[in-house]
N, C-alpha and C. Protein backbone atom coordinates (compact mmCIF):
# COMPACT_ATOMS: atom_id res chain seq x y z
N MET A 1 0.83 -1.18 0.00
CA MET A 1 0.00 0.00 0.00
C MET A 1 0.88 1.24 0.00
N TYR A 2 1.84 1.29 0.91
CA TYR A 2 2.70 2.47 1.00
C TYR A 2 3.62 2.53 -0.21
N THR A 3 4.16 1.38 -0.58
CA THR A 3 5.03 1.31 -1.74
C THR A 3 4.24 1.64 -3.00
N ALA A 4 3.05 1.09 -3.12
CA ALA A 4 2.23 1.34 -4.29
C ALA A 4 1.90 2.83 -4.42
N SER A 5 1.53 3.45 -3.32
CA SER A 5 1.19 4.87 -3.34
C SER A 5 2.38 5.71 -3.78
N GLN A 6 3.55 5.40 -3.26
CA GLN A 6 4.75 6.15 -3.61
C GLN A 6 5.12 5.93 -5.08
N LYS A 7 5.05 4.68 -5.54
CA LYS A 7 5.38 4.38 -6.94
C LYS A 7 4.39 5.06 -7.88
N ARG A 8 3.13 5.11 -7.49
CA ARG A 8 2.10 5.74 -8.34
C ARG A 8 2.44 7.20 -8.58
N LYS A 9 2.95 7.87 -7.56
CA LYS A 9 3.31 9.28 -7.68
C LYS A 9 4.58 9.47 -8.51
N GLU A 10 5.55 8.58 -8.32
CA GLU A 10 6.87 8.79 -8.89
C GLU A 10 7.07 8.16 -10.26
N ASN A 11 6.55 6.93 -10.46
CA ASN A 11 6.81 6.22 -11.71
C ASN A 11 5.68 5.25 -11.99
N ILE A 12 4.81 5.63 -12.91
CA ILE A 12 3.62 4.84 -13.20
C ILE A 12 3.96 3.45 -13.71
N ALA A 13 5.08 3.31 -14.41
CA ALA A 13 5.47 2.00 -14.93
C ALA A 13 5.85 1.06 -13.77
N GLU A 14 6.65 1.56 -12.85
CA GLU A 14 7.01 0.75 -11.69
C GLU A 14 5.78 0.41 -10.86
N TYR A 15 4.87 1.37 -10.75
CA TYR A 15 3.62 1.13 -10.01
C TYR A 15 2.83 -0.02 -10.62
N LEU A 16 2.66 0.03 -11.94
CA LEU A 16 1.86 -1.00 -12.59
C LEU A 16 2.50 -2.38 -12.46
N LEU A 17 3.80 -2.47 -12.66
CA LEU A 17 4.49 -3.75 -12.51
C LEU A 17 4.39 -4.24 -11.06
N TYR A 18 4.50 -3.33 -10.12
CA TYR A 18 4.36 -3.68 -8.70
C TYR A 18 2.96 -4.22 -8.41
N MET A 19 1.95 -3.56 -8.94
CA MET A 19 0.58 -4.00 -8.69
C MET A 19 0.29 -5.36 -9.33
N TRP A 20 0.86 -5.61 -10.50
CA TRP A 20 0.72 -6.94 -11.12
C TRP A 20 1.37 -8.00 -10.23
N GLN A 21 2.51 -7.64 -9.64
CA GLN A 21 3.19 -8.56 -8.74
C GLN A 21 2.34 -8.81 -7.48
N ILE A 22 1.71 -7.78 -6.97
CA ILE A 22 0.82 -7.93 -5.81
C ILE A 22 -0.33 -8.88 -6.15
N GLU A 23 -0.91 -8.73 -7.33
CA GLU A 23 -1.98 -9.64 -7.75
C GLU A 23 -1.48 -11.09 -7.71
N ASP A 24 -0.28 -11.31 -8.25
CA ASP A 24 0.28 -12.66 -8.27
C ASP A 24 0.61 -13.16 -6.86
N LEU A 25 1.08 -12.27 -5.99
CA LEU A 25 1.34 -12.68 -4.60
C LEU A 25 0.06 -13.10 -3.89
N ILE A 26 -1.01 -12.39 -4.15
CA ILE A 26 -2.31 -12.75 -3.57
C ILE A 26 -2.73 -14.12 -4.07
N ARG A 27 -2.57 -14.35 -5.38
CA ARG A 27 -2.91 -15.66 -5.95
C ARG A 27 -2.04 -16.76 -5.34
N ALA A 28 -0.73 -16.48 -5.24
CA ALA A 28 0.21 -17.49 -4.71
C ALA A 28 -0.11 -17.85 -3.26
N ASN A 29 -0.71 -16.92 -2.54
CA ASN A 29 -1.10 -17.17 -1.15
C ASN A 29 -2.55 -17.64 -1.02
N GLY A 30 -3.13 -18.03 -2.15
CA GLY A 30 -4.46 -18.62 -2.13
C GLY A 30 -5.56 -17.70 -1.61
N PHE A 31 -5.38 -16.39 -1.75
CA PHE A 31 -6.37 -15.41 -1.30
C PHE A 31 -6.61 -15.51 0.21
N ASP A 32 -5.63 -16.04 0.91
CA ASP A 32 -5.73 -16.27 2.35
C ASP A 32 -4.99 -15.16 3.09
N ILE A 33 -5.74 -14.31 3.77
CA ILE A 33 -5.14 -13.16 4.45
C ILE A 33 -4.18 -13.60 5.56
N ASP A 34 -4.43 -14.75 6.18
CA ASP A 34 -3.51 -15.24 7.20
C ASP A 34 -2.15 -15.58 6.60
N LYS A 35 -2.16 -16.20 5.44
CA LYS A 35 -0.90 -16.52 4.76
C LYS A 35 -0.20 -15.24 4.32
N ILE A 36 -0.97 -14.28 3.82
CA ILE A 36 -0.41 -12.99 3.38
C ILE A 36 0.19 -12.26 4.57
N ARG A 37 -0.49 -12.30 5.68
CA ARG A 37 0.02 -11.65 6.90
C ARG A 37 1.36 -12.27 7.27
N ALA A 38 1.42 -13.62 7.28
CA ALA A 38 2.64 -14.31 7.70
C ALA A 38 3.79 -14.14 6.70
N SER A 39 3.49 -14.21 5.42
CA SER A 39 4.56 -14.20 4.42
C SER A 39 4.94 -12.81 3.93
N ILE A 40 4.05 -11.84 4.11
CA ILE A 40 4.33 -10.50 3.56
C ILE A 40 4.25 -9.42 4.65
N ILE A 41 3.09 -9.25 5.23
CA ILE A 41 2.84 -8.11 6.12
C ILE A 41 3.75 -8.14 7.35
N ASP A 42 3.88 -9.31 7.97
CA ASP A 42 4.68 -9.40 9.21
C ASP A 42 6.16 -9.14 8.98
N ARG A 43 6.61 -9.20 7.75
CA ARG A 43 8.02 -8.94 7.44
C ARG A 43 8.37 -7.46 7.47
N TYR A 44 7.36 -6.61 7.40
CA TYR A 44 7.58 -5.17 7.46
C TYR A 44 7.77 -4.73 8.90
N ASP A 45 8.72 -3.86 9.10
CA ASP A 45 8.95 -3.28 10.43
C ASP A 45 8.07 -2.04 10.56
N LEU A 46 6.81 -2.28 10.90
CA LEU A 46 5.82 -1.20 10.98
C LEU A 46 5.13 -1.25 12.33
N PRO A 47 4.65 -0.10 12.79
CA PRO A 47 3.83 -0.12 14.01
C PRO A 47 2.53 -0.88 13.74
N PRO A 48 1.93 -1.41 14.80
CA PRO A 48 0.72 -2.23 14.64
C PRO A 48 -0.39 -1.56 13.81
N GLU A 49 -0.61 -0.26 14.01
CA GLU A 49 -1.69 0.41 13.26
C GLU A 49 -1.39 0.45 11.76
N LYS A 50 -0.11 0.56 11.38
CA LYS A 50 0.28 0.57 9.95
C LYS A 50 0.15 -0.83 9.36
N LYS A 51 0.49 -1.84 10.16
CA LYS A 51 0.31 -3.22 9.70
C LYS A 51 -1.17 -3.52 9.48
N LYS A 52 -2.01 -2.99 10.36
CA LYS A 52 -3.45 -3.18 10.22
C LYS A 52 -3.95 -2.52 8.93
N GLU A 53 -3.46 -1.32 8.62
CA GLU A 53 -3.82 -0.64 7.37
C GLU A 53 -3.38 -1.46 6.17
N LEU A 54 -2.18 -2.01 6.23
CA LEU A 54 -1.66 -2.82 5.14
C LEU A 54 -2.49 -4.08 4.95
N GLU A 55 -2.87 -4.70 6.07
CA GLU A 55 -3.72 -5.89 6.01
C GLU A 55 -5.07 -5.54 5.38
N GLU A 56 -5.64 -4.42 5.76
CA GLU A 56 -6.93 -4.00 5.19
C GLU A 56 -6.80 -3.73 3.70
N TRP A 57 -5.64 -3.19 3.28
CA TRP A 57 -5.41 -2.95 1.85
C TRP A 57 -5.38 -4.27 1.10
N TYR A 58 -4.66 -5.26 1.64
CA TYR A 58 -4.62 -6.58 1.00
C TYR A 58 -6.02 -7.21 0.98
N GLU A 59 -6.75 -7.07 2.07
CA GLU A 59 -8.11 -7.62 2.11
C GLU A 59 -9.00 -6.97 1.05
N SER A 60 -8.86 -5.67 0.84
CA SER A 60 -9.67 -5.00 -0.18
C SER A 60 -9.27 -5.46 -1.58
N LEU A 61 -7.98 -5.70 -1.80
CA LEU A 61 -7.54 -6.21 -3.11
C LEU A 61 -8.06 -7.63 -3.34
N ILE A 62 -8.03 -8.45 -2.29
CA ILE A 62 -8.57 -9.80 -2.39
C ILE A 62 -10.04 -9.75 -2.77
N ASP A 63 -10.78 -8.88 -2.09
CA ASP A 63 -12.21 -8.74 -2.36
C ASP A 63 -12.44 -8.27 -3.81
N MET A 64 -11.66 -7.28 -4.24
CA MET A 64 -11.81 -6.78 -5.62
C MET A 64 -11.49 -7.88 -6.64
N MET A 65 -10.43 -8.63 -6.38
CA MET A 65 -10.05 -9.68 -7.33
C MET A 65 -11.15 -10.73 -7.44
N ARG A 66 -11.75 -11.07 -6.33
CA ARG A 66 -12.84 -12.04 -6.35
C ARG A 66 -14.06 -11.48 -7.08
N ARG A 67 -14.43 -10.25 -6.76
CA ARG A 67 -15.61 -9.63 -7.39
C ARG A 67 -15.41 -9.45 -8.89
N GLU A 68 -14.17 -9.17 -9.30
CA GLU A 68 -13.88 -8.93 -10.72
C GLU A 68 -13.52 -10.20 -11.48
N GLY A 69 -13.50 -11.33 -10.77
CA GLY A 69 -13.25 -12.61 -11.43
C GLY A 69 -11.84 -12.78 -11.98
N VAL A 70 -10.85 -12.25 -11.27
CA VAL A 70 -9.47 -12.39 -11.72
C VAL A 70 -8.67 -13.24 -10.72
N GLU A 71 -9.31 -14.27 -10.22
CA GLU A 71 -8.64 -15.14 -9.25
C GLU A 71 -7.52 -15.95 -9.89
N LYS A 72 -7.72 -16.40 -11.12
CA LYS A 72 -6.72 -17.26 -11.77
C LYS A 72 -5.75 -16.46 -12.63
N ASN A 73 -6.25 -15.47 -13.32
CA ASN A 73 -5.40 -14.62 -14.16
C ASN A 73 -6.14 -13.33 -14.48
N GLY A 74 -5.44 -12.45 -15.17
CA GLY A 74 -6.03 -11.15 -15.49
C GLY A 74 -5.65 -10.12 -14.45
N HIS A 75 -6.16 -8.93 -14.66
CA HIS A 75 -5.78 -7.81 -13.80
C HIS A 75 -7.01 -7.07 -13.29
N LEU A 76 -6.83 -6.50 -12.12
CA LEU A 76 -7.88 -5.68 -11.53
C LEU A 76 -8.23 -4.50 -12.42
N GLN A 77 -9.46 -4.06 -12.36
CA GLN A 77 -9.90 -2.93 -13.17
C GLN A 77 -9.06 -1.69 -12.88
N LEU A 78 -8.65 -1.49 -11.64
CA LEU A 78 -7.84 -0.31 -11.35
C LEU A 78 -6.51 -0.36 -12.11
N ASN A 79 -5.97 -1.54 -12.33
CA ASN A 79 -4.75 -1.68 -13.12
C ASN A 79 -5.04 -1.56 -14.61
N LYS A 80 -6.18 -2.08 -15.04
CA LYS A 80 -6.59 -1.90 -16.43
C LYS A 80 -6.79 -0.41 -16.73
N ASN A 81 -7.35 0.30 -15.77
CA ASN A 81 -7.55 1.75 -15.96
C ASN A 81 -6.23 2.48 -16.13
N THR A 82 -5.20 2.03 -15.44
CA THR A 82 -3.88 2.63 -15.59
C THR A 82 -3.37 2.41 -17.01
N ILE A 83 -3.55 1.20 -17.53
CA ILE A 83 -3.15 0.91 -18.92
C ILE A 83 -3.94 1.80 -19.88
N ILE A 84 -5.23 1.97 -19.62
CA ILE A 84 -6.06 2.83 -20.48
C ILE A 84 -5.53 4.25 -20.46
N GLN A 85 -5.18 4.76 -19.28
CA GLN A 85 -4.62 6.12 -19.18
C GLN A 85 -3.31 6.22 -19.97
N LEU A 86 -2.47 5.21 -19.85
CA LEU A 86 -1.20 5.21 -20.58
C LEU A 86 -1.43 5.10 -22.08
N ASP A 87 -2.40 4.28 -22.50
CA ASP A 87 -2.75 4.19 -23.93
C ASP A 87 -3.23 5.54 -24.46
N ASP A 88 -4.08 6.20 -23.68
CA ASP A 88 -4.60 7.50 -24.10
C ASP A 88 -3.47 8.52 -24.26
N LEU A 89 -2.58 8.55 -23.30
CA LEU A 89 -1.45 9.48 -23.39
C LEU A 89 -0.56 9.12 -24.57
N HIS A 90 -0.32 7.84 -24.77
CA HIS A 90 0.49 7.37 -25.90
C HIS A 90 -0.09 7.89 -27.22
N ARG A 91 -1.39 7.76 -27.40
CA ARG A 91 -2.03 8.24 -28.63
C ARG A 91 -1.87 9.76 -28.79
N GLN A 92 -1.99 10.48 -27.69
CA GLN A 92 -1.82 11.93 -27.75
C GLN A 92 -0.39 12.30 -28.15
N LEU A 93 0.57 11.60 -27.57
CA LEU A 93 1.97 11.88 -27.88
C LEU A 93 2.30 11.51 -29.33
N MET A 94 1.72 10.44 -29.81
CA MET A 94 1.98 10.03 -31.19
C MET A 94 1.35 10.99 -32.19
N ALA A 95 0.28 11.67 -31.81
CA ALA A 95 -0.41 12.58 -32.72
C ALA A 95 0.15 13.99 -32.68
N ASP A 96 0.97 14.31 -31.69
CA ASP A 96 1.47 15.67 -31.51
C ASP A 96 2.88 15.79 -32.08
N PRO A 97 3.07 16.65 -33.08
CA PRO A 97 4.39 16.77 -33.71
C PRO A 97 5.48 17.30 -32.78
N LYS A 98 5.11 17.80 -31.61
CA LYS A 98 6.12 18.28 -30.66
C LYS A 98 6.90 17.14 -30.01
N PHE A 99 6.38 15.92 -30.09
CA PHE A 99 6.98 14.81 -29.36
C PHE A 99 7.71 13.84 -30.28
N VAL A 100 8.57 14.36 -31.13
CA VAL A 100 9.29 13.52 -32.09
C VAL A 100 10.22 12.52 -31.41
N ASP A 101 10.83 12.90 -30.29
CA ASP A 101 11.71 11.96 -29.58
C ASP A 101 10.92 10.75 -29.08
N TYR A 102 9.76 11.01 -28.54
CA TYR A 102 8.90 9.93 -28.07
C TYR A 102 8.49 9.05 -29.25
N GLN A 103 8.06 9.68 -30.32
CA GLN A 103 7.61 8.95 -31.49
C GLN A 103 8.74 8.09 -32.07
N ALA A 104 9.94 8.63 -32.13
CA ALA A 104 11.09 7.88 -32.64
C ALA A 104 11.37 6.66 -31.76
N GLU A 105 11.28 6.84 -30.45
CA GLU A 105 11.52 5.72 -29.53
C GLU A 105 10.44 4.65 -29.70
N PHE A 106 9.21 5.08 -29.93
CA PHE A 106 8.14 4.11 -30.17
C PHE A 106 8.42 3.30 -31.42
N TYR A 107 8.83 3.97 -32.50
CA TYR A 107 9.07 3.26 -33.75
C TYR A 107 10.27 2.32 -33.65
N LYS A 108 11.22 2.61 -32.77
CA LYS A 108 12.32 1.68 -32.51
C LYS A 108 11.81 0.45 -31.74
N THR A 109 10.77 0.64 -30.97
CA THR A 109 10.20 -0.43 -30.13
C THR A 109 9.19 -1.27 -30.88
N LEU A 110 8.54 -0.69 -31.87
CA LEU A 110 7.44 -1.36 -32.58
C LEU A 110 7.80 -2.74 -33.14
N PRO A 111 8.97 -2.94 -33.75
CA PRO A 111 9.28 -4.30 -34.23
C PRO A 111 9.26 -5.36 -33.11
N TYR A 112 9.70 -4.98 -31.93
CA TYR A 112 9.67 -5.91 -30.79
C TYR A 112 8.23 -6.21 -30.37
N ILE A 113 7.40 -5.18 -30.40
CA ILE A 113 5.98 -5.37 -30.05
C ILE A 113 5.33 -6.33 -31.05
N VAL A 114 5.59 -6.11 -32.34
CA VAL A 114 5.03 -6.97 -33.39
C VAL A 114 5.51 -8.41 -33.20
N GLU A 115 6.80 -8.58 -32.90
CA GLU A 115 7.35 -9.92 -32.69
C GLU A 115 6.73 -10.60 -31.48
N LEU A 116 6.56 -9.84 -30.38
CA LEU A 116 5.94 -10.41 -29.18
C LEU A 116 4.51 -10.86 -29.47
N ARG A 117 3.79 -10.06 -30.19
CA ARG A 117 2.41 -10.43 -30.51
C ARG A 117 2.37 -11.67 -31.39
N ALA A 118 3.29 -11.75 -32.35
CA ALA A 118 3.33 -12.91 -33.24
C ALA A 118 3.65 -14.18 -32.45
N ARG A 119 4.59 -14.09 -31.51
CA ARG A 119 4.95 -15.25 -30.69
C ARG A 119 3.79 -15.71 -29.83
N GLN A 120 3.04 -14.75 -29.31
CA GLN A 120 1.91 -15.09 -28.44
C GLN A 120 0.70 -15.53 -29.25
N GLY A 121 0.69 -15.19 -30.53
CA GLY A 121 -0.47 -15.51 -31.36
C GLY A 121 -1.71 -14.79 -30.89
N ASP A 122 -1.50 -13.65 -30.26
CA ASP A 122 -2.61 -12.93 -29.64
C ASP A 122 -2.43 -11.43 -29.88
N ASN A 123 -3.33 -10.86 -30.63
CA ASN A 123 -3.28 -9.43 -30.89
C ASN A 123 -4.29 -8.66 -30.05
N LYS A 124 -4.80 -9.31 -29.00
CA LYS A 124 -5.80 -8.65 -28.16
C LYS A 124 -5.20 -7.52 -27.33
N LEU A 125 -3.94 -7.70 -26.90
CA LEU A 125 -3.31 -6.67 -26.08
C LEU A 125 -2.92 -5.49 -26.95
N GLY A 126 -3.09 -4.29 -26.40
CA GLY A 126 -2.63 -3.10 -27.10
C GLY A 126 -1.11 -3.02 -27.02
N GLU A 127 -0.57 -2.06 -27.71
CA GLU A 127 0.89 -1.91 -27.77
C GLU A 127 1.49 -1.66 -26.40
N ILE A 128 0.86 -0.80 -25.63
CA ILE A 128 1.40 -0.46 -24.31
C ILE A 128 1.30 -1.66 -23.37
N GLU A 129 0.17 -2.35 -23.36
CA GLU A 129 0.03 -3.51 -22.49
C GLU A 129 0.97 -4.63 -22.91
N THR A 130 1.22 -4.77 -24.21
CA THR A 130 2.19 -5.75 -24.69
C THR A 130 3.57 -5.46 -24.12
N CYS A 131 3.94 -4.19 -24.09
CA CYS A 131 5.23 -3.80 -23.51
C CYS A 131 5.29 -4.16 -22.03
N PHE A 132 4.23 -3.86 -21.31
CA PHE A 132 4.21 -4.17 -19.88
C PHE A 132 4.23 -5.68 -19.64
N ALA A 133 3.52 -6.44 -20.47
CA ALA A 133 3.53 -7.89 -20.32
C ALA A 133 4.94 -8.44 -20.53
N ALA A 134 5.67 -7.88 -21.49
CA ALA A 134 7.05 -8.31 -21.73
C ALA A 134 7.95 -7.95 -20.54
N LEU A 135 7.79 -6.75 -20.03
CA LEU A 135 8.59 -6.33 -18.87
C LEU A 135 8.28 -7.20 -17.65
N TYR A 136 7.01 -7.48 -17.43
CA TYR A 136 6.63 -8.29 -16.27
C TYR A 136 7.12 -9.73 -16.43
N GLY A 137 6.98 -10.26 -17.63
CA GLY A 137 7.46 -11.62 -17.88
C GLY A 137 8.96 -11.74 -17.63
N THR A 138 9.70 -10.72 -18.04
CA THR A 138 11.14 -10.72 -17.81
C THR A 138 11.46 -10.59 -16.32
N LEU A 139 10.71 -9.77 -15.62
CA LEU A 139 10.87 -9.64 -14.17
C LEU A 139 10.68 -11.00 -13.50
N LEU A 140 9.64 -11.72 -13.89
CA LEU A 140 9.38 -13.04 -13.31
C LEU A 140 10.51 -14.01 -13.62
N MET A 141 11.03 -13.95 -14.86
CA MET A 141 12.14 -14.82 -15.23
C MET A 141 13.37 -14.54 -14.35
N ARG A 142 13.63 -13.27 -14.10
CA ARG A 142 14.78 -12.91 -13.26
C ARG A 142 14.58 -13.39 -11.83
N ILE A 143 13.36 -13.21 -11.31
CA ILE A 143 13.06 -13.66 -9.95
C ILE A 143 13.27 -15.17 -9.84
N GLN A 144 12.89 -15.90 -10.88
CA GLN A 144 13.00 -17.36 -10.89
C GLN A 144 14.41 -17.83 -11.25
N GLY A 145 15.30 -16.89 -11.55
CA GLY A 145 16.67 -17.25 -11.89
C GLY A 145 16.83 -17.87 -13.26
N LYS A 146 15.86 -17.64 -14.13
CA LYS A 146 15.93 -18.20 -15.48
C LYS A 146 16.83 -17.34 -16.37
N GLU A 147 17.46 -18.01 -17.32
CA GLU A 147 18.36 -17.31 -18.23
C GLU A 147 17.54 -16.51 -19.25
N ILE A 148 18.04 -15.33 -19.55
CA ILE A 148 17.39 -14.46 -20.53
C ILE A 148 18.33 -14.35 -21.72
N SER A 149 17.82 -14.67 -22.89
CA SER A 149 18.65 -14.68 -24.10
C SER A 149 19.11 -13.27 -24.45
N PRO A 150 20.19 -13.16 -25.19
CA PRO A 150 20.65 -11.83 -25.63
C PRO A 150 19.60 -11.10 -26.47
N GLU A 151 18.86 -11.84 -27.26
CA GLU A 151 17.80 -11.23 -28.09
C GLU A 151 16.71 -10.64 -27.21
N THR A 152 16.31 -11.41 -26.21
CA THR A 152 15.28 -10.93 -25.28
C THR A 152 15.80 -9.73 -24.50
N SER A 153 17.04 -9.80 -24.07
CA SER A 153 17.64 -8.67 -23.34
C SER A 153 17.63 -7.40 -24.17
N ALA A 154 17.96 -7.53 -25.46
CA ALA A 154 17.96 -6.36 -26.35
C ALA A 154 16.54 -5.80 -26.50
N ALA A 155 15.58 -6.70 -26.66
CA ALA A 155 14.19 -6.26 -26.79
C ALA A 155 13.72 -5.57 -25.52
N ILE A 156 14.02 -6.15 -24.39
CA ILE A 156 13.59 -5.59 -23.11
C ILE A 156 14.26 -4.25 -22.86
N SER A 157 15.50 -4.13 -23.26
CA SER A 157 16.22 -2.87 -23.10
C SER A 157 15.53 -1.76 -23.88
N GLN A 158 15.13 -2.04 -25.12
CA GLN A 158 14.44 -1.05 -25.94
C GLN A 158 13.05 -0.74 -25.37
N ILE A 159 12.33 -1.77 -24.98
CA ILE A 159 11.00 -1.58 -24.40
C ILE A 159 11.12 -0.73 -23.13
N THR A 160 12.13 -0.99 -22.33
CA THR A 160 12.34 -0.22 -21.10
C THR A 160 12.58 1.25 -21.41
N ARG A 161 13.42 1.53 -22.42
CA ARG A 161 13.66 2.93 -22.79
C ARG A 161 12.35 3.62 -23.20
N PHE A 162 11.56 2.93 -24.00
CA PHE A 162 10.30 3.49 -24.46
C PHE A 162 9.32 3.72 -23.30
N ILE A 163 9.14 2.70 -22.47
CA ILE A 163 8.19 2.82 -21.36
C ILE A 163 8.67 3.86 -20.35
N SER A 164 9.98 4.01 -20.20
CA SER A 164 10.51 5.06 -19.32
C SER A 164 10.11 6.44 -19.80
N LEU A 165 10.16 6.65 -21.11
CA LEU A 165 9.72 7.94 -21.66
C LEU A 165 8.23 8.15 -21.41
N LEU A 166 7.45 7.11 -21.64
CA LEU A 166 6.01 7.21 -21.41
C LEU A 166 5.73 7.50 -19.94
N ALA A 167 6.43 6.84 -19.03
CA ALA A 167 6.23 7.07 -17.60
C ALA A 167 6.62 8.49 -17.22
N ARG A 168 7.72 8.97 -17.77
CA ARG A 168 8.13 10.35 -17.49
C ARG A 168 7.08 11.34 -17.99
N ASP A 169 6.60 11.11 -19.20
CA ASP A 169 5.59 12.00 -19.76
C ASP A 169 4.27 11.90 -19.00
N PHE A 170 3.95 10.73 -18.50
CA PHE A 170 2.75 10.57 -17.69
C PHE A 170 2.84 11.43 -16.43
N ARG A 171 4.00 11.35 -15.76
CA ARG A 171 4.20 12.16 -14.55
C ARG A 171 4.09 13.64 -14.87
N LEU A 172 4.72 14.07 -15.96
CA LEU A 172 4.64 15.48 -16.37
C LEU A 172 3.19 15.87 -16.67
N ASP A 173 2.46 14.98 -17.31
CA ASP A 173 1.06 15.26 -17.63
C ASP A 173 0.24 15.37 -16.35
N GLN A 174 0.51 14.50 -15.38
CA GLN A 174 -0.21 14.56 -14.10
C GLN A 174 0.06 15.88 -13.37
N GLU A 175 1.26 16.42 -13.61
CA GLU A 175 1.65 17.70 -13.00
C GLU A 175 1.27 18.89 -13.88
N ASP A 176 0.53 18.64 -14.95
CA ASP A 176 0.14 19.67 -15.93
C ASP A 176 1.35 20.41 -16.50
N LYS A 177 2.42 19.67 -16.74
CA LYS A 177 3.63 20.27 -17.28
C LYS A 177 4.00 19.71 -18.66
N LEU A 178 3.23 18.79 -19.18
CA LEU A 178 3.62 18.12 -20.42
C LEU A 178 3.27 18.92 -21.66
N PHE A 179 2.04 19.31 -21.77
CA PHE A 179 1.60 19.97 -23.00
C PHE A 179 1.76 21.48 -22.94
N ASP A 180 2.14 22.02 -21.78
CA ASP A 180 2.36 23.45 -21.66
C ASP A 180 3.79 23.85 -22.01
N THR A 181 4.68 22.86 -22.10
CA THR A 181 6.09 23.15 -22.33
C THR A 181 6.36 23.35 -23.81
N PRO A 182 7.42 24.09 -24.15
CA PRO A 182 7.78 24.25 -25.55
C PRO A 182 8.22 22.92 -26.15
N THR A 183 8.49 22.92 -27.41
CA THR A 183 8.89 21.71 -28.14
C THR A 183 10.01 21.01 -27.42
N ARG A 184 9.86 19.69 -27.33
CA ARG A 184 10.88 18.89 -26.66
C ARG A 184 11.70 18.15 -27.65
């Protein structure tokens, strides 16, 4: 909860990846708040009232996941809404001639997005969500100690550069500083 709130303010990309990880942690703990308390919450050095707030946050996420039917896979609507916001901003940046650096970075990333979609055989995900799925998949591979090929590393490096620009522009937009600034 505290980490999520801070990440949301500072870096929307890190926030979204963190929230996807929280969803998976809830699933891995079988939606059992006692297991979550023992394996996650109790590890934090927090005063009792802060631990209680954290537990309530996890309980609310568990409830949302159940109500939204994402117990086995998928993402909470609040996380989908973040992707929608990022998609909307992406379209605005692609349509505005002031953002040529962003557009150039996207076009460097596009071949990787196309390749990822072809490998998955699924074009349902938008370009931005495809990038996040690749980043999250790589994060999971690293956590599991799996080897990442040089080709995948190159793709992830480019996707990271692109998503970093989008995250920076998102923060600037949230601060009403993105579209008011001169040509970038």
